[in-house]
Protein backbone atom coordinates (compact mmCIF):
# COMPACT_ATOMS: atom_id res chain seq x y z
CA MET A 1 1.51 -17.53 -28.23
CA TYR A 2 3.52 -17.03 -25.07
CA SER A 3 3.18 -19.60 -22.28
CA LEU A 4 2.55 -18.72 -18.66
CA ASP A 5 6.11 -19.81 -17.81
CA GLU A 6 7.54 -17.50 -20.49
CA LEU A 7 5.51 -14.58 -19.15
CA LYS A 8 6.62 -15.34 -15.58
CA LYS A 9 10.27 -15.35 -16.73
CA LEU A 10 9.80 -11.96 -18.39
CA ILE A 11 8.21 -10.55 -15.22
CA LYS A 12 11.10 -11.89 -13.13
CA ILE A 13 13.65 -10.29 -15.50
CA LEU A 14 11.79 -7.00 -15.19
CA GLU A 15 11.62 -7.24 -11.37
CA GLU A 16 15.35 -7.95 -11.08
CA SER A 17 16.43 -5.15 -13.40
CA GLN A 18 16.23 -1.39 -13.49
CA LEU A 19 14.17 -1.54 -16.67
CA THR A 20 10.67 -0.07 -16.55
CA SER A 21 9.19 -2.14 -19.38
CA ILE A 22 9.82 -5.04 -21.72
CA LYS A 23 8.17 -5.35 -25.14
CA ILE A 24 8.59 -8.48 -27.26
CA SER A 25 7.04 -9.05 -30.68
CA ASP A 26 7.22 -11.71 -33.32
CA LYS A 27 5.23 -12.34 -36.49
CA LYS A 28 2.19 -13.63 -34.59
CA ASP A 29 2.22 -12.17 -31.07
CA SER A 30 3.23 -9.16 -29.07
CA VAL A 31 3.52 -8.67 -25.30
CA CYS A 32 4.40 -5.58 -23.27
CA ILE A 33 5.11 -5.80 -19.54
CA GLU A 34 5.60 -2.60 -17.55
CA LYS A 35 6.56 -1.89 -13.96
CA ALA A 36 3.88 -0.02 -12.09
CA PRO A 37 5.29 2.72 -9.84
CA ALA A 38 6.15 1.33 -6.38
CA SER A 39 4.41 -1.99 -6.98
CA ALA A 40 4.73 -5.30 -8.81
CA PRO A 41 5.04 -5.36 -12.61
CA ALA A 42 1.79 -5.71 -14.50
CA VAL A 43 0.76 -6.68 -17.99
CA THR A 44 -0.86 -3.48 -19.19
CA TYR A 45 -3.82 -2.71 -21.40
CA THR A 46 -5.79 0.43 -22.10
CA ALA A 47 -9.25 1.01 -20.67
CA THR A 48 -11.30 4.16 -20.45
CA ALA A 49 -13.06 5.30 -17.31
CA PRO A 50 -16.09 7.59 -17.14
CA SER A 51 -15.13 11.20 -16.50
CA GLN A 52 -16.21 12.90 -13.34
CA THR A 53 -16.95 16.63 -13.38
CA ALA A 54 -17.17 17.35 -9.66
CA PRO A 55 -15.35 15.73 -6.76
CA VAL A 56 -17.49 13.39 -4.74
CA SER A 57 -16.90 13.16 -1.02
CA ALA A 58 -17.57 9.99 0.90
CA PRO A 59 -20.67 10.19 3.08
CA GLU A 60 -19.96 10.34 6.78
CA SER A 61 -21.13 7.31 8.67
CA SER A 62 -21.40 6.48 12.32
CA VAL A 63 -21.31 2.76 11.47
CA PRO A 64 -17.94 1.20 12.35
CA SER A 65 -15.95 -0.07 9.41
CA ALA A 66 -16.14 -3.75 8.52
CA PRO A 67 -13.46 -5.98 9.97
CA ILE A 68 -10.52 -6.74 7.72
CA PRO A 69 -10.90 -10.29 6.38
CA SER A 70 -8.32 -12.78 7.56
CA GLY A 71 -6.56 -15.49 5.59
CA LYS A 72 -4.47 -15.55 2.47
CA THR A 73 -5.71 -14.84 -1.03
CA ILE A 74 -5.29 -16.63 -4.32
CA ASP A 75 -4.40 -13.81 -6.69
CA SER A 76 -4.59 -13.64 -10.47
CA PRO A 77 -1.16 -14.15 -12.06
CA MET A 78 -2.28 -12.34 -15.23
CA VAL A 79 -4.88 -10.14 -16.88
CA GLY A 80 -7.70 -12.16 -18.40
CA VAL A 81 -11.23 -13.53 -18.12
CA PHE A 82 -12.03 -15.58 -14.99
CA TYR A 83 -13.87 -18.87 -15.44
CA SER A 84 -15.01 -20.85 -12.39
CA ALA A 85 -15.59 -24.10 -14.34
CA PRO A 86 -13.93 -25.94 -17.24
CA ASN A 87 -17.03 -25.35 -19.41
CA PRO A 88 -20.51 -23.83 -19.00
CA ASP A 89 -22.16 -27.21 -18.30
CA SER A 90 -19.68 -28.29 -15.58
CA ALA A 91 -19.68 -27.67 -11.86
CA PRO A 92 -17.25 -25.00 -10.57
CA PHE A 93 -13.71 -26.12 -9.70
CA VAL A 94 -14.24 -24.91 -6.10
CA SER A 95 -17.13 -23.68 -4.00
CA LEU A 96 -17.46 -21.70 -0.79
CA GLY A 97 -16.37 -23.77 2.22
CA GLN A 98 -14.57 -26.38 0.12
CA GLU A 99 -11.20 -27.70 1.29
CA VAL A 100 -8.45 -27.46 -1.34
CA LYS A 101 -4.96 -28.91 -1.40
CA LYS A 102 -1.84 -27.24 -2.74
CA GLY A 103 -1.85 -27.76 -6.52
CA ASP A 104 -5.64 -28.18 -6.89
CA VAL A 105 -7.09 -26.26 -9.88
CA VAL A 106 -9.31 -23.45 -8.56
CA CYS A 107 -10.22 -21.66 -11.82
CA ILE A 108 -9.23 -20.89 -15.40
CA ILE A 109 -8.09 -17.52 -16.70
CA GLU A 110 -8.35 -16.95 -20.44
CA ALA A 111 -5.58 -14.70 -21.70
CA MET A 112 -4.76 -14.20 -25.37
CA LYS A 113 -7.16 -17.05 -26.26
CA ILE A 114 -5.20 -19.47 -24.05
CA MET A 115 -6.94 -21.19 -21.15
CA ASN A 116 -4.61 -21.10 -18.11
CA GLU A 117 -5.42 -23.35 -15.14
CA ILE A 118 -4.78 -21.56 -11.85
CA THR A 119 -3.87 -23.75 -8.88
CA ALA A 120 -3.94 -23.25 -5.11
CA GLU A 121 -0.51 -22.35 -3.75
CA GLU A 122 -1.35 -23.81 -0.34
CA SER A 123 -3.92 -26.05 1.30
CA GLY A 124 -6.93 -24.61 3.12
CA LYS A 125 -10.62 -23.86 3.02
CA ILE A 126 -12.20 -21.46 0.49
CA THR A 127 -13.70 -18.80 2.78
CA GLU A 128 -14.61 -16.24 0.12
CA ILE A 129 -14.98 -16.09 -3.66
CA LEU A 130 -14.14 -12.53 -4.71
CA VAL A 131 -14.93 -12.61 -8.47
CA ASN A 132 -17.78 -13.81 -10.63
CA ASN A 133 -17.66 -16.15 -13.60
CA GLY A 134 -16.84 -14.14 -16.74
CA ASP A 135 -15.29 -11.19 -14.86
CA VAL A 136 -12.11 -9.61 -16.23
CA VAL A 137 -9.37 -9.89 -13.60
CA GLU A 138 -6.21 -7.83 -13.25
CA TYR A 139 -2.68 -9.00 -12.49
CA GLY A 140 -2.44 -9.49 -8.71
CA GLN A 141 -6.20 -9.15 -8.12
CA PRO A 142 -7.44 -11.39 -5.29
CA MET A 143 -9.87 -14.03 -6.62
CA PHE A 144 -10.33 -16.29 -3.58
CA ARG A 145 -9.72 -16.00 0.15
CA ILE A 146 -8.38 -19.17 1.73
CA GLY A 147 -8.17 -19.88 5.46
């Protein structure tokens, strides 16, 4: 099993090179990291989307658009399953309105059967929780808004 630090090193190598993907395999594990066009590298997986037969246009609305939320986000560093608590019987790591300090654990992401603790990169107040317990999150997907 590859550690989070090993995966981060591979992503950094990919970012700093002209390579478009890195694939590493051993007897037990395999990982493939690819650069997305004009964006950060992402750990890829295949998913199917429902097909759409006719284009759908957005309904016109006279309601003004919602204001863009302010504050920084805590983004997922990997693809995996989001868990808000260490186990089903425990309270969540953080709740709406809670103050967190840099380094506080805010959630767990399960990737390749490894539970990875995700920490706050800065201190602040949790102003929005953007994912639900058990949701699959993508690399770079915002999970929390912090202000």
